[in-house]
């Protein structure tokens, strides 16, 4: 495996992991604010699912750059620590 494939593989794994964790954390934080309003108006399960999916898509716009930066720092930091680059 060439070094470029190795770096892309490592970056992809770290990016997916960081993106999922950050999106879940931000979504959980935001849901605490929205849950009071949803329970107050008696929102159904289908409407709540649509709200959560829309909110997750909007939060992904925020978490994607953060996850990319975090993945790059983690992967290149680990590679530099192990003397691979």
Protein backbone atom coordinates (compact mmCIF):
# COMPACT_ATOMS: atom_id res chain seq x y z
CA UNK A 1 0.00 0.00 0.00
CA UNK A 2 1.40 3.37 -0.92
CA UNK A 3 1.72 6.12 1.64
CA UNK A 4 -1.06 8.13 -0.02
CA UNK A 5 -3.56 5.29 0.27
CA UNK A 6 -2.53 4.72 3.84
CA UNK A 7 -3.02 8.38 4.73
CA UNK A 8 -6.40 8.53 2.97
CA UNK A 9 -7.52 5.35 4.74
CA UNK A 10 -6.47 6.69 8.14
CA UNK A 11 -8.01 10.10 7.49
CA UNK A 12 -11.31 8.58 6.35
CA UNK A 13 -11.61 6.40 9.43
CA UNK A 14 -10.80 9.28 11.76
CA UNK A 15 -13.11 11.66 9.87
CA UNK A 16 -16.10 9.33 10.02
CA UNK A 17 -15.54 8.63 13.70
CA UNK A 18 -15.03 12.28 14.65
CA UNK A 19 -17.96 13.39 12.50
CA UNK A 20 -20.33 10.87 14.05
CA UNK A 21 -19.28 11.66 17.61
CA UNK A 22 -19.40 15.44 17.16
CA UNK A 23 -22.75 15.33 15.37
CA UNK A 24 -24.23 13.17 18.12
CA UNK A 25 -22.89 15.45 20.83
CA UNK A 26 -24.13 18.63 19.19
CA UNK A 27 -27.47 16.99 18.38
CA UNK A 28 -27.94 15.83 21.97
CA UNK A 29 -27.15 19.31 23.24
CA UNK A 30 -29.60 20.88 20.80
CA UNK A 31 -32.33 18.31 21.51
CA UNK A 32 -32.48 19.32 25.15
CA UNK A 33 -33.49 22.81 24.01
CA UNK A 34 -36.01 21.55 21.45
CA UNK A 35 -37.51 18.77 23.58
CA UNK A 36 -39.36 21.19 25.84
CA UNK A 37 -41.02 22.85 22.87
CA UNK A 38 -41.88 19.50 21.24
CA UNK A 39 -43.44 18.14 24.42
CA UNK A 40 -45.33 21.40 25.01
CA UNK A 41 -47.01 21.29 21.60
CA UNK A 42 -47.62 17.52 21.57
CA UNK A 43 -45.57 16.81 18.46
CA UNK A 44 -45.98 13.29 17.03
CA UNK A 45 -43.24 10.73 16.45
CA UNK A 46 -43.14 11.31 12.68
CA UNK A 47 -42.82 15.07 13.05
CA UNK A 48 -40.16 14.66 15.73
CA UNK A 49 -38.17 12.32 13.45
CA UNK A 50 -38.35 14.85 10.62
CA UNK A 51 -37.24 17.61 12.97
CA UNK A 52 -34.32 15.56 14.26
CA UNK A 53 -33.16 14.55 10.76
CA UNK A 54 -33.33 18.16 9.58
CA UNK A 55 -31.51 19.33 12.67
CA UNK A 56 -28.80 16.67 12.18
CA UNK A 57 -28.27 17.77 8.57
CA UNK A 58 -27.93 21.39 9.66
CA UNK A 59 -25.54 20.48 12.48
CA UNK A 60 -23.44 18.40 10.08
CA UNK A 61 -22.58 21.63 8.26
CA UNK A 62 -21.05 22.83 11.50
CA UNK A 63 -19.38 19.59 12.55
CA UNK A 64 -17.86 18.64 9.17
CA UNK A 65 -15.05 21.25 9.25
CA UNK A 66 -14.37 20.58 12.93
CA UNK A 67 -14.22 16.82 12.31
CA UNK A 68 -11.92 17.31 9.31
CA UNK A 69 -9.48 19.42 11.30
CA UNK A 70 -9.59 17.01 14.23
CA UNK A 71 -9.01 14.01 11.96
CA UNK A 72 -6.01 15.66 10.28
CA UNK A 73 -4.44 16.61 13.59
CA UNK A 74 -4.97 13.16 15.08
CA UNK A 75 -3.75 11.18 12.05
CA UNK A 76 -0.69 13.30 11.28
CA UNK A 77 0.14 13.63 14.97
CA UNK A 78 0.01 9.87 15.39
CA UNK A 79 2.07 9.31 12.26
CA UNK A 80 4.68 11.84 13.37
CA UNK A 81 4.85 10.29 16.83
CA UNK A 82 5.44 6.84 15.37
CA UNK A 83 8.03 8.15 12.89
CA UNK A 84 6.02 7.24 9.79
CA UNK A 85 6.39 10.67 8.21
